[in-house]
């Protein structure tokens, strides 16, 4: 049986990898066109962030929840035009 700390470590590693993926996807899709986005871009950005949030398992860990909250805050600040 896996220990709780090992499970939390795996969840944290997965969250960091998923965060890096999400950040790279947003950069690839939207950074080159900052300020010149279509309604389709806005839908893609919102759908992508929603998918990330709905499919991210933090296992009830408050530390990972705070980290996830910081991730979302960073994305929302950088891409506020898309996510409004």
PDB file of N, CA and C in Angstrom:
ATOM      1  N   UNK A   1       0.838  -1.184   0.000  1.00  0.00           N
ATOM      2  CA  UNK A   1       0.000   0.000   0.000  1.00  0.00           C
ATOM      3  C   UNK A   1       0.882   1.246   0.000  1.00  0.00           C
ATOM      4  N   UNK A   2       0.500   2.242  -0.771  1.00  0.00           N
ATOM      5  CA  UNK A   2       1.287   3.460  -0.897  1.00  0.00           C
ATOM      6  C   UNK A   2       1.012   4.388   0.289  1.00  0.00           C
ATOM      7  N   UNK A   3       2.060   4.999   0.824  1.00  0.00           N
ATOM      8  CA  UNK A   3       1.884   5.911   1.946  1.00  0.00           C
ATOM      9  C   UNK A   3       1.229   7.209   1.480  1.00  0.00           C
ATOM     10  N   UNK A   4       0.621   7.903   2.421  1.00  0.00           N
ATOM     11  CA  UNK A   4      -0.047   9.173   2.101  1.00  0.00           C
ATOM     12  C   UNK A   4       0.949  10.183   1.568  1.00  0.00           C
ATOM     13  N   UNK A   5       2.136  10.242   2.162  1.00  0.00           N
ATOM     14  CA  UNK A   5       3.124  11.220   1.698  1.00  0.00           C
ATOM     15  C   UNK A   5       3.597  10.901   0.276  1.00  0.00           C
ATOM     16  N   UNK A   6       3.743   9.631  -0.053  1.00  0.00           N
ATOM     17  CA  UNK A   6       4.142   9.239  -1.411  1.00  0.00           C
ATOM     18  C   UNK A   6       3.024   9.581  -2.391  1.00  0.00           C
ATOM     19  N   UNK A   7       1.787   9.344  -1.996  1.00  0.00           N
ATOM     20  CA  UNK A   7       0.647   9.685  -2.835  1.00  0.00           C
ATOM     21  C   UNK A   7       0.596  11.194  -3.076  1.00  0.00           C
ATOM     22  N   UNK A   8       0.799  11.989  -2.035  1.00  0.00           N
ATOM     23  CA  UNK A   8       0.806  13.449  -2.180  1.00  0.00           C
ATOM     24  C   UNK A   8       1.948  13.913  -3.071  1.00  0.00           C
ATOM     25  N   UNK A   9       3.078  13.252  -2.952  1.00  0.00           N
ATOM     26  CA  UNK A   9       4.230  13.592  -3.788  1.00  0.00           C
ATOM     27  C   UNK A   9       3.910  13.332  -5.264  1.00  0.00           C
ATOM     28  N   UNK A  10       3.266  12.229  -5.552  1.00  0.00           N
ATOM     29  CA  UNK A  10       2.882  11.899  -6.925  1.00  0.00           C
ATOM     30  C   UNK A  10       1.857  12.899  -7.442  1.00  0.00           C
ATOM     31  N   UNK A  11       0.862  13.236  -6.615  1.00  0.00           N
ATOM     32  CA  UNK A  11      -0.137  14.229  -7.012  1.00  0.00           C
ATOM     33  C   UNK A  11       0.525  15.574  -7.307  1.00  0.00           C
ATOM     34  N   UNK A  12       1.478  15.965  -6.473  1.00  0.00           N
ATOM     35  CA  UNK A  12       2.180  17.235  -6.677  1.00  0.00           C
ATOM     36  C   UNK A  12       2.982  17.217  -7.975  1.00  0.00           C
ATOM     37  N   UNK A  13       3.694  16.130  -8.236  1.00  0.00           N
ATOM     38  CA  UNK A  13       4.468  16.011  -9.479  1.00  0.00           C
ATOM     39  C   UNK A  13       3.552  16.088 -10.698  1.00  0.00           C
ATOM     40  N   UNK A  14       2.415  15.402 -10.623  1.00  0.00           N
ATOM     41  CA  UNK A  14       1.457  15.435 -11.730  1.00  0.00           C
ATOM     42  C   UNK A  14       0.887  16.827 -11.928  1.00  0.00           C
ATOM     43  N   UNK A  15       0.611  17.519 -10.841  1.00  0.00           N
ATOM     44  CA  UNK A  15       0.074  18.872 -10.934  1.00  0.00           C
ATOM     45  C   UNK A  15       1.087  19.813 -11.579  1.00  0.00           C
ATOM     46  N   UNK A  16       2.341  19.682 -11.214  1.00  0.00           N
ATOM     47  CA  UNK A  16       3.389  20.524 -11.804  1.00  0.00           C
ATOM     48  C   UNK A  16       3.512  20.230 -13.299  1.00  0.00           C
ATOM     49  N   UNK A  17       3.505  18.960 -13.680  1.00  0.00           N
ATOM     50  CA  UNK A  17       3.572  18.607 -15.101  1.00  0.00           C
ATOM     51  C   UNK A  17       2.360  19.125 -15.870  1.00  0.00           C
ATOM     52  N   UNK A  18       1.178  18.971 -15.284  1.00  0.00           N
ATOM     53  CA  UNK A  18      -0.037  19.467 -15.939  1.00  0.00           C
ATOM     54  C   UNK A  18      -0.013  20.977 -16.066  1.00  0.00           C
ATOM     55  N   UNK A  19       0.484  21.657 -15.042  1.00  0.00           N
ATOM     56  CA  UNK A  19       0.605  23.119 -15.068  1.00  0.00           C
ATOM     57  C   UNK A  19       1.543  23.553 -16.181  1.00  0.00           C
ATOM     58  N   UNK A  20       2.672  22.881 -16.309  1.00  0.00           N
ATOM     59  CA  UNK A  20       3.620  23.212 -17.374  1.00  0.00           C
ATOM     60  C   UNK A  20       2.969  23.005 -18.745  1.00  0.00           C
ATOM     61  N   UNK A  21       2.204  21.928 -18.887  1.00  0.00           N
ATOM     62  CA  UNK A  21       1.512  21.667 -20.144  1.00  0.00           C
ATOM     63  C   UNK A  21       0.517  22.786 -20.439  1.00  0.00           C
ATOM     64  N   UNK A  22      -0.299  23.148 -19.458  1.00  0.00           N
ATOM     65  CA  UNK A  22      -1.310  24.185 -19.655  1.00  0.00           C
ATOM     66  C   UNK A  22      -0.661  25.513 -20.013  1.00  0.00           C
ATOM     67  N   UNK A  23       0.386  25.863 -19.303  1.00  0.00           N
ATOM     68  CA  UNK A  23       1.092  27.116 -19.563  1.00  0.00           C
ATOM     69  C   UNK A  23       1.645  27.139 -20.986  1.00  0.00           C
ATOM     70  N   UNK A  24       2.271  26.051 -21.411  1.00  0.00           N
ATOM     71  CA  UNK A  24       2.821  25.968 -22.768  1.00  0.00           C
ATOM     72  C   UNK A  24       1.719  26.043 -23.826  1.00  0.00           C
ATOM     73  N   UNK A  25       0.597  25.378 -23.573  1.00  0.00           N
ATOM     74  CA  UNK A  25      -0.514  25.423 -24.521  1.00  0.00           C
ATOM     75  C   UNK A  25      -1.042  26.845 -24.686  1.00  0.00           C
ATOM     76  N   UNK A  26      -1.217  27.544 -23.581  1.00  0.00           N
ATOM     77  CA  UNK A  26      -1.683  28.926 -23.664  1.00  0.00           C
ATOM     78  C   UNK A  26      -0.665  29.794 -24.405  1.00  0.00           C
ATOM     79  N   UNK A  27       0.611  29.601 -24.128  1.00  0.00           N
ATOM     80  CA  UNK A  27       1.644  30.386 -24.817  1.00  0.00           C
ATOM     81  C   UNK A  27       1.621  30.119 -26.318  1.00  0.00           C
ATOM     82  N   UNK A  28       1.558  28.851 -26.698  1.00  0.00           N
ATOM     83  CA  UNK A  28       1.552  28.488 -28.119  1.00  0.00           C
ATOM     84  C   UNK A  28       0.319  29.047 -28.815  1.00  0.00           C
ATOM     85  N   UNK A  29      -0.827  28.895 -28.182  1.00  0.00           N
ATOM     86  CA  UNK A  29      -2.080  29.285 -28.823  1.00  0.00           C
ATOM     87  C   UNK A  29      -2.328  30.789 -28.832  1.00  0.00           C
ATOM     88  N   UNK A  30      -1.884  31.487 -27.785  1.00  0.00           N
ATOM     89  CA  UNK A  30      -2.365  32.849 -27.620  1.00  0.00           C
ATOM     90  C   UNK A  30      -1.308  33.951 -27.522  1.00  0.00           C
ATOM     91  N   UNK A  31      -0.080  33.643 -27.153  1.00  0.00           N
ATOM     92  CA  UNK A  31       0.903  34.709 -26.937  1.00  0.00           C
ATOM     93  C   UNK A  31       1.233  35.482 -28.208  1.00  0.00           C
ATOM     94  N   UNK A  32       1.282  34.816 -29.323  1.00  0.00           N
ATOM     95  CA  UNK A  32       1.656  35.511 -30.555  1.00  0.00           C
ATOM     96  C   UNK A  32       0.554  36.456 -31.034  1.00  0.00           C
ATOM     97  N   UNK A  33      -0.649  36.296 -30.482  1.00  0.00           N
ATOM     98  CA  UNK A  33      -1.771  37.121 -30.930  1.00  0.00           C
ATOM     99  C   UNK A  33      -2.377  37.932 -29.798  1.00  0.00           C
ATOM    100  N   UNK A  34      -1.604  38.278 -28.790  1.00  0.00           N
ATOM    101  CA  UNK A  34      -2.138  39.040 -27.662  1.00  0.00           C
ATOM    102  C   UNK A  34      -2.844  40.290 -28.163  1.00  0.00           C
ATOM    103  N   UNK A  35      -4.065  40.473 -27.698  1.00  0.00           N
ATOM    104  CA  UNK A  35      -4.830  41.650 -28.053  1.00  0.00           C
ATOM    105  C   UNK A  35      -5.629  41.508 -29.331  1.00  0.00           C
ATOM    106  N   UNK A  36      -5.433  40.433 -30.075  1.00  0.00           N
ATOM    107  CA  UNK A  36      -6.137  40.249 -31.339  1.00  0.00           C
ATOM    108  C   UNK A  36      -6.803  38.875 -31.357  1.00  0.00           C
ATOM    109  N   UNK A  37      -7.681  38.648 -30.380  1.00  0.00           N
ATOM    110  CA  UNK A  37      -8.296  37.334 -30.230  1.00  0.00           C
ATOM    111  C   UNK A  37      -9.729  37.325 -30.714  1.00  0.00           C
ATOM    112  N   UNK A  38     -10.113  36.187 -31.241  1.00  0.00           N
ATOM    113  CA  UNK A  38     -11.470  35.985 -31.720  1.00  0.00           C
ATOM    114  C   UNK A  38     -12.331  35.376 -30.610  1.00  0.00           C
ATOM    115  N   UNK A  39     -13.609  35.300 -30.856  1.00  0.00           N
ATOM    116  CA  UNK A  39     -14.511  34.620 -29.915  1.00  0.00           C
ATOM    117  C   UNK A  39     -14.137  33.144 -29.799  1.00  0.00           C
ATOM    118  N   UNK A  40     -13.657  32.573 -30.880  1.00  0.00           N
ATOM    119  CA  UNK A  40     -13.215  31.167 -30.854  1.00  0.00           C
ATOM    120  C   UNK A  40     -12.022  30.996 -29.910  1.00  0.00           C
ATOM    121  N   UNK A  41     -11.072  31.955 -29.949  1.00  0.00           N
ATOM    122  CA  UNK A  41      -9.936  31.915 -29.030  1.00  0.00           C
ATOM    123  C   UNK A  41     -10.415  31.944 -27.585  1.00  0.00           C
ATOM    124  N   UNK A  42     -11.386  32.800 -27.301  1.00  0.00           N
ATOM    125  CA  UNK A  42     -11.921  32.907 -25.938  1.00  0.00           C
ATOM    126  C   UNK A  42     -12.566  31.595 -25.503  1.00  0.00           C
ATOM    127  N   UNK A  43     -13.295  30.972 -26.416  1.00  0.00           N
ATOM    128  CA  UNK A  43     -13.925  29.694 -26.095  1.00  0.00           C
ATOM    129  C   UNK A  43     -12.872  28.618 -25.831  1.00  0.00           C
ATOM    130  N   UNK A  44     -11.854  28.576 -26.662  1.00  0.00           N
ATOM    131  CA  UNK A  44     -10.783  27.588 -26.483  1.00  0.00           C
ATOM    132  C   UNK A  44     -10.079  27.800 -25.151  1.00  0.00           C
ATOM    133  N   UNK A  45      -9.785  29.048 -24.814  1.00  0.00           N
ATOM    134  CA  UNK A  45      -9.099  29.355 -23.555  1.00  0.00           C
ATOM    135  C   UNK A  45      -9.950  28.943 -22.356  1.00  0.00           C
ATOM    136  N   UNK A  46     -11.214  29.306 -22.376  1.00  0.00           N
ATOM    137  CA  UNK A  46     -12.100  28.955 -21.269  1.00  0.00           C
ATOM    138  C   UNK A  46     -12.320  27.458 -21.172  1.00  0.00           C
ATOM    139  N   UNK A  47     -12.517  26.799 -22.308  1.00  0.00           N
ATOM    140  CA  UNK A  47     -12.694  25.344 -22.305  1.00  0.00           C
ATOM    141  C   UNK A  47     -11.437  24.637 -21.804  1.00  0.00           C
ATOM    142  N   UNK A  48     -10.271  25.131 -22.214  1.00  0.00           N
ATOM    143  CA  UNK A  48      -9.012  24.529 -21.774  1.00  0.00           C
ATOM    144  C   UNK A  48      -8.809  24.657 -20.274  1.00  0.00           C
ATOM    145  N   UNK A  49      -9.079  25.841 -19.738  1.00  0.00           N
ATOM    146  CA  UNK A  49      -8.935  26.044 -18.298  1.00  0.00           C
ATOM    147  C   UNK A  49      -9.965  25.217 -17.532  1.00  0.00           C
ATOM    148  N   UNK A  50     -11.200  25.174 -18.028  1.00  0.00           N
ATOM    149  CA  UNK A  50     -12.234  24.357 -17.383  1.00  0.00           C
ATOM    150  C   UNK A  50     -11.837  22.884 -17.371  1.00  0.00           C
ATOM    151  N   UNK A  51     -11.323  22.394 -18.505  1.00  0.00           N
ATOM    152  CA  UNK A  51     -10.900  20.995 -18.594  1.00  0.00           C
ATOM    153  C   UNK A  51      -9.791  20.705 -17.576  1.00  0.00           C
ATOM    154  N   UNK A  52      -8.827  21.613 -17.513  1.00  0.00           N
ATOM    155  CA  UNK A  52      -7.715  21.462 -16.571  1.00  0.00           C
ATOM    156  C   UNK A  52      -8.243  21.351 -15.136  1.00  0.00           C
ATOM    157  N   UNK A  53      -9.151  22.251 -14.779  1.00  0.00           N
ATOM    158  CA  UNK A  53      -9.672  22.259 -13.411  1.00  0.00           C
ATOM    159  C   UNK A  53     -10.522  21.026 -13.115  1.00  0.00           C
ATOM    160  N   UNK A  54     -11.321  20.610 -14.060  1.00  0.00           N
ATOM    161  CA  UNK A  54     -12.205  19.463 -13.848  1.00  0.00           C
ATOM    162  C   UNK A  54     -11.446  18.143 -13.780  1.00  0.00           C
ATOM    163  N   UNK A  55     -10.275  18.088 -14.376  1.00  0.00           N
ATOM    164  CA  UNK A  55      -9.538  16.827 -14.462  1.00  0.00           C
ATOM    165  C   UNK A  55      -8.264  16.805 -13.644  1.00  0.00           C
ATOM    166  N   UNK A  56      -8.107  17.752 -12.751  1.00  0.00           N
ATOM    167  CA  UNK A  56      -6.933  17.795 -11.895  1.00  0.00           C
ATOM    168  C   UNK A  56      -7.282  17.234 -10.527  1.00  0.00           C
ATOM    169  N   UNK A  57      -6.593  16.181 -10.148  1.00  0.00           N
ATOM    170  CA  UNK A  57      -6.834  15.514  -8.865  1.00  0.00           C
ATOM    171  C   UNK A  57      -5.818  16.026  -7.849  1.00  0.00           C
ATOM    172  N   UNK A  58      -6.336  16.660  -6.791  1.00  0.00           N
ATOM    173  CA  UNK A  58      -5.440  17.127  -5.729  1.00  0.00           C
ATOM    174  C   UNK A  58      -5.633  16.314  -4.454  1.00  0.00           C
ATOM    175  N   UNK A  59      -6.509  15.338  -4.515  1.00  0.00           N
ATOM    176  CA  UNK A  59      -6.671  14.412  -3.398  1.00  0.00           C
ATOM    177  C   UNK A  59      -7.040  15.066  -2.077  1.00  0.00           C
ATOM    178  N   UNK A  60      -7.722  16.205  -2.119  1.00  0.00           N
ATOM    179  CA  UNK A  60      -8.125  16.878  -0.891  1.00  0.00           C
ATOM    180  C   UNK A  60      -6.983  17.540  -0.150  1.00  0.00           C
ATOM    181  N   UNK A  61      -5.822  17.646  -0.770  1.00  0.00           N
ATOM    182  CA  UNK A  61      -4.639  18.228  -0.134  1.00  0.00           C
ATOM    183  C   UNK A  61      -4.700  19.748  -0.214  1.00  0.00           C
ATOM    184  N   UNK A  62      -4.720  20.418   0.932  1.00  0.00           N
ATOM    185  CA  UNK A  62      -4.844  21.872   0.988  1.00  0.00           C
ATOM    186  C   UNK A  62      -3.637  22.574   0.363  1.00  0.00           C
ATOM    187  N   UNK A  63      -2.462  22.004   0.496  1.00  0.00           N
ATOM    188  CA  UNK A  63      -1.260  22.600  -0.100  1.00  0.00           C
ATOM    189  C   UNK A  63      -1.372  22.574  -1.621  1.00  0.00           C
ATOM    190  N   UNK A  64      -1.806  21.442  -2.164  1.00  0.00           N
ATOM    191  CA  UNK A  64      -1.990  21.338  -3.609  1.00  0.00           C
ATOM    192  C   UNK A  64      -3.141  22.221  -4.079  1.00  0.00           C
ATOM    193  N   UNK A  65      -4.180  22.352  -3.256  1.00  0.00           N
ATOM    194  CA  UNK A  65      -5.282  23.243  -3.596  1.00  0.00           C
ATOM    195  C   UNK A  65      -4.786  24.679  -3.721  1.00  0.00           C
ATOM    196  N   UNK A  66      -3.962  25.116  -2.788  1.00  0.00           N
ATOM    197  CA  UNK A  66      -3.411  26.480  -2.845  1.00  0.00           C
ATOM    198  C   UNK A  66      -2.507  26.660  -4.057  1.00  0.00           C
ATOM    199  N   UNK A  67      -1.720  25.642  -4.367  1.00  0.00           N
ATOM    200  CA  UNK A  67      -0.862  25.689  -5.553  1.00  0.00           C
ATOM    201  C   UNK A  67      -1.722  25.792  -6.808  1.00  0.00           C
ATOM    202  N   UNK A  68      -2.768  24.983  -6.888  1.00  0.00           N
ATOM    203  CA  UNK A  68      -3.689  25.015  -8.020  1.00  0.00           C
ATOM    204  C   UNK A  68      -4.358  26.378  -8.124  1.00  0.00           C
ATOM    205  N   UNK A  69      -4.745  26.937  -7.003  1.00  0.00           N
ATOM    206  CA  UNK A  69      -5.363  28.266  -6.992  1.00  0.00           C
ATOM    207  C   UNK A  69      -4.391  29.307  -7.545  1.00  0.00           C
ATOM    208  N   UNK A  70      -3.122  29.194  -7.193  1.00  0.00           N
ATOM    209  CA  UNK A  70      -2.097  30.106  -7.721  1.00  0.00           C
ATOM    210  C   UNK A  70      -1.919  29.953  -9.223  1.00  0.00           C
ATOM    211  N   UNK A  71      -1.985  28.723  -9.699  1.00  0.00           N
ATOM    212  CA  UNK A  71      -1.880  28.452 -11.135  1.00  0.00           C
ATOM    213  C   UNK A  71      -3.012  29.158 -11.879  1.00  0.00           C
ATOM    214  N   UNK A  72      -4.220  28.969 -11.392  1.00  0.00           N
ATOM    215  CA  UNK A  72      -5.387  29.574 -12.038  1.00  0.00           C
ATOM    216  C   UNK A  72      -5.284  31.097 -11.991  1.00  0.00           C
ATOM    217  N   UNK A  73      -4.856  31.630 -10.878  1.00  0.00           N
ATOM    218  CA  UNK A  73      -4.703  33.084 -10.743  1.00  0.00           C
ATOM    219  C   UNK A  73      -3.693  33.626 -11.750  1.00  0.00           C
ATOM    220  N   UNK A  74      -2.568  32.936 -11.924  1.00  0.00           N
ATOM    221  CA  UNK A  74      -1.551  33.371 -12.887  1.00  0.00           C
ATOM    222  C   UNK A  74      -2.100  33.358 -14.315  1.00  0.00           C
ATOM    223  N   UNK A  75      -2.808  32.294 -14.672  1.00  0.00           N
ATOM    224  CA  UNK A  75      -3.401  32.193 -16.009  1.00  0.00           C
ATOM    225  C   UNK A  75      -4.430  33.303 -16.207  1.00  0.00           C
ATOM    226  N   UNK A  76      -5.285  33.506 -15.199  1.00  0.00           N
ATOM    227  CA  UNK A  76      -6.323  34.528 -15.316  1.00  0.00           C
ATOM    228  C   UNK A  76      -5.739  35.934 -15.443  1.00  0.00           C
ATOM    229  N   UNK A  77      -4.631  36.203 -14.761  1.00  0.00           N
ATOM    230  CA  UNK A  77      -3.984  37.520 -14.875  1.00  0.00           C
ATOM    231  C   UNK A  77      -3.377  37.719 -16.259  1.00  0.00           C
ATOM    232  N   UNK A  78      -2.622  36.734 -16.711  1.00  0.00           N
ATOM    233  CA  UNK A  78      -1.922  36.870 -17.982  1.00  0.00           C
ATOM    234  C   UNK A  78      -2.876  36.893 -19.168  1.00  0.00           C
ATOM    235  N   UNK A  79      -3.960  36.153 -19.069  1.00  0.00           N
ATOM    236  CA  UNK A  79      -4.883  36.014 -20.195  1.00  0.00           C
ATOM    237  C   UNK A  79      -6.274  36.549 -19.833  1.00  0.00           C
ATOM    238  N   UNK A  80      -6.304  37.629 -19.094  1.00  0.00           N
ATOM    239  CA  UNK A  80      -7.582  38.171 -18.619  1.00  0.00           C
ATOM    240  C   UNK A  80      -8.517  38.553 -19.774  1.00  0.00           C
ATOM    241  N   UNK A  81      -7.964  38.986 -20.881  1.00  0.00           N
ATOM    242  CA  UNK A  81      -8.786  39.361 -22.038  1.00  0.00           C
ATOM    243  C   UNK A  81      -9.532  38.140 -22.575  1.00  0.00           C
ATOM    244  N   UNK A  82      -8.880  36.990 -22.539  1.00  0.00           N
ATOM    245  CA  UNK A  82      -9.495  35.764 -23.046  1.00  0.00           C
ATOM    246  C   UNK A  82     -10.487  35.156 -22.073  1.00  0.00           C
ATOM    247  N   UNK A  83     -10.246  35.333 -20.804  1.00  0.00           N
ATOM    248  CA  UNK A  83     -11.014  34.639 -19.784  1.00  0.00           C
ATOM    249  C   UNK A  83     -12.060  35.512 -19.124  1.00  0.00           C
ATOM    250  N   UNK A  84     -12.369  36.651 -19.726  1.00  0.00           N
ATOM    251  CA  UNK A  84     -13.371  37.543 -19.141  1.00  0.00           C
ATOM    252  C   UNK A  84     -14.765  37.193 -19.580  1.00  0.00           C
TER     253      UNK A  84
END
